Protein backbone atom coordinates (compact mmCIF):
# COMPACT_ATOMS: atom_id res chain seq x y z
CA MET A 1 70.76 56.62 -40.99
CA ARG A 2 70.28 53.24 -42.55
CA SER A 3 69.61 50.39 -40.09
CA GLU A 4 71.59 47.43 -40.85
CA GLN A 5 70.02 44.33 -41.79
CA GLN A 6 70.81 40.79 -40.54
CA VAL A 7 71.22 38.62 -43.57
CA LEU A 8 69.98 35.10 -42.69
CA ALA A 9 70.80 32.03 -44.30
CA PRO A 10 68.01 30.75 -46.46
CA ALA A 11 65.92 27.94 -44.21
CA ALA A 12 67.07 24.45 -44.80
CA PRO A 13 64.53 22.69 -46.46
CA GLU A 14 62.37 20.46 -44.78
CA GLU A 15 62.56 16.64 -45.09
CA PRO A 16 59.87 15.59 -47.45
CA ALA A 17 56.71 14.19 -45.63
CA VAL A 18 56.11 10.29 -45.72
CA ASP A 19 52.39 9.89 -47.17
CA VAL A 20 50.37 7.13 -47.67
CA HIS A 21 46.78 6.85 -49.15
CA VAL A 22 44.42 3.95 -47.95
CA MET A 23 41.12 3.21 -49.97
CA GLN A 24 38.68 0.56 -49.23
CA ILE A 25 38.49 -1.81 -51.88
CA GLU A 26 35.67 -4.06 -50.61
CA GLY A 27 35.15 -5.47 -46.91
CA VAL A 28 38.36 -5.39 -45.03
CA ARG A 29 40.51 -5.36 -48.14
CA PHE A 30 42.33 -2.24 -48.61
CA ALA A 31 44.61 -0.57 -51.09
CA VAL A 32 47.28 1.29 -49.70
CA LYS A 33 49.15 3.82 -52.23
CA ALA A 34 52.67 5.58 -51.83
CA ARG A 35 53.87 7.37 -54.65
CA GLN A 36 53.53 5.23 -57.62
CA HIS A 37 53.68 1.81 -55.45
CA THR A 38 50.24 -0.26 -54.22
CA VAL A 39 49.95 -2.60 -51.71
CA LEU A 40 47.10 -4.54 -50.68
CA SER A 41 46.19 -5.15 -47.00
CA ASP A 42 43.53 -7.63 -46.28
CA GLN A 43 42.75 -10.38 -43.39
CA PRO A 44 42.61 -14.02 -43.48
CA ALA A 45 39.49 -15.96 -44.08
CA ASP A 46 38.87 -16.73 -40.49
CA ASN A 47 39.10 -12.70 -39.87
CA GLY A 48 36.58 -11.89 -42.61
CA GLY A 49 39.11 -11.60 -45.52
CA GLN A 50 39.92 -13.22 -48.71
CA ASP A 51 43.85 -13.41 -47.31
CA THR A 52 44.91 -11.46 -50.49
CA GLY A 53 47.29 -9.08 -48.83
CA MET A 54 49.51 -8.81 -45.93
CA THR A 55 47.30 -7.90 -42.51
CA PRO A 56 48.15 -4.06 -40.90
CA PRO A 57 50.40 -5.85 -38.06
CA GLU A 58 52.25 -7.95 -40.93
CA LEU A 59 52.67 -4.64 -43.04
CA MET A 60 54.13 -2.85 -39.49
CA LEU A 61 56.69 -5.79 -39.31
CA ALA A 62 57.73 -5.62 -43.13
CA SER A 63 58.26 -1.97 -42.71
CA LEU A 64 60.57 -2.81 -39.59
CA GLY A 65 62.43 -5.64 -41.35
CA SER A 66 62.92 -3.87 -44.67
CA CYS A 67 64.06 -1.10 -42.73
CA ALA A 68 66.57 -2.82 -40.58
CA ALA A 69 67.57 -4.86 -44.20
CA PHE A 70 68.45 -1.66 -45.80
CA TYR A 71 70.74 -0.39 -43.10
CA ALA A 72 72.33 -3.64 -42.78
CA GLY A 73 72.81 -3.94 -46.70
CA GLU A 74 74.31 -0.18 -46.64
CA TYR A 75 77.03 -0.93 -43.86
CA LEU A 76 77.74 -4.19 -45.77
CA ARG A 77 77.72 -2.32 -49.50
CA THR A 78 79.91 0.80 -48.04
CA ARG A 79 82.66 -1.43 -46.68
CA LYS A 80 82.57 -3.61 -49.59
CA LEU A 81 81.88 -6.82 -47.72
CA ALA A 82 78.48 -7.81 -49.91
CA THR A 83 76.20 -6.26 -52.23
CA SER A 84 73.03 -8.67 -51.64
CA GLY A 85 72.02 -11.69 -49.59
CA VAL A 86 70.87 -10.23 -46.19
CA GLU A 87 67.98 -11.34 -44.77
CA VAL A 88 65.76 -10.01 -41.95
CA HIS A 89 63.49 -12.13 -39.81
CA VAL A 90 60.83 -9.98 -37.73
CA THR A 91 58.32 -11.34 -34.94
CA ALA A 92 56.20 -9.54 -32.40
CA GLU A 93 53.64 -10.80 -29.92
CA LYS A 94 49.90 -9.51 -29.94
CA LEU A 95 49.32 -7.74 -26.49
CA LYS A 96 45.95 -6.67 -25.08
CA GLN A 97 44.86 -3.72 -23.09
CA PRO A 98 45.61 -2.03 -25.03
CA ALA A 99 45.37 -4.01 -28.26
CA ARG A 100 49.00 -3.84 -29.70
CA LEU A 101 52.32 -5.42 -30.98
CA GLY A 102 55.12 -5.51 -28.49
CA ASN A 103 58.25 -7.58 -27.83
CA PHE A 104 59.37 -7.22 -31.26
CA GLN A 105 62.79 -9.48 -32.23
CA ILE A 106 64.58 -8.68 -35.22
CA GLU A 107 66.87 -11.52 -36.60
CA VAL A 108 69.44 -10.14 -39.05
CA LYS A 109 71.14 -12.77 -41.28
CA CYS A 110 74.28 -11.40 -42.77
CA PRO A 111 75.31 -13.18 -46.28
CA VAL A 112 79.13 -13.15 -45.31
CA PRO A 113 81.35 -13.93 -42.14
CA LEU A 114 82.21 -10.91 -40.04
CA THR A 115 84.78 -10.23 -37.23
CA GLU A 116 83.18 -9.40 -33.87
CA GLU A 117 84.25 -5.82 -34.55
CA GLN A 118 82.07 -6.03 -37.54
CA THR A 119 79.33 -7.53 -36.08
CA GLN A 120 79.09 -4.79 -33.49
CA ALA A 121 79.25 -2.34 -35.97
CA LEU A 122 76.60 -3.88 -38.03
CA TYR A 123 74.27 -4.01 -34.91
CA ARG A 124 74.76 -0.31 -34.30
CA SER A 125 74.02 0.19 -37.95
CA VAL A 126 70.52 -1.73 -37.76
CA HIS A 127 69.81 0.25 -34.67
CA GLN A 128 69.66 3.62 -36.85
CA CYS A 129 66.76 2.40 -38.59
CA LEU A 130 64.18 5.24 -38.92
CA ILE A 131 61.40 2.86 -38.20
CA HIS A 132 63.35 0.97 -35.05
CA ASN A 133 64.01 4.41 -33.70
CA THR A 134 60.10 5.50 -34.41
CA LEU A 135 58.77 2.64 -32.28
CA LEU A 136 61.34 3.32 -29.48
CA THR A 137 60.55 7.31 -29.33
CA PRO A 138 56.72 7.00 -29.44
CA PRO A 139 55.36 9.89 -31.99
CA GLN A 140 52.55 11.83 -31.32
CA ILE A 141 49.44 10.68 -33.53
CA GLN A 142 46.56 13.03 -34.15
CA ILE A 143 43.29 11.63 -35.67
CA THR A 144 40.64 13.38 -37.32
CA VAL A 145 37.48 12.07 -38.95
CA SER A 146 35.44 13.75 -41.62
CA ALA A 147 32.20 12.14 -42.97
CA ALA A 148 30.44 13.04 -46.51
CA GLN A 149 28.02 15.72 -46.11
CA ARG A 150 24.28 14.80 -46.17
CA ASP A 151 22.13 15.83 -48.93
CA THR A 152 19.68 18.02 -46.72
CA ALA A 153 17.93 19.40 -49.59
CA LEU A 154 14.12 19.09 -49.18
CA VAL A 155 12.51 17.01 -51.88
CA PRO A 156 9.30 18.70 -53.31
């Protein structure tokens, strides 16, 4: 007698990983690569850099702001209210012990007038931002360090 096998639906594909690669150019200047895109990260001159790119904290705020702008823009586009003109301003305070950013403020400027109901719906939409939700639910962060191997061969 044959045993019946349970037929399982194929597993849903996993979400693609978000991946960046950071390479030191020189000093405190780094190239940050994602897919075919590259941005520079640097420090102001008073912190040993050449000010050729945003600092890591500024890149973090840029990520949060552009994510919020995306969600706001999508809300307006899908409701045929506007297809361009959204602006977002993000600020944060530098806190200590441990050193971190805190007290984020996101200001979304809508290019068209909205009713109170639309304003609240836009607010809810921006709250769905992936970066916003990541900051509200601290992720696990694993750090590994690998060092170049020393040449241990003896020179005759």
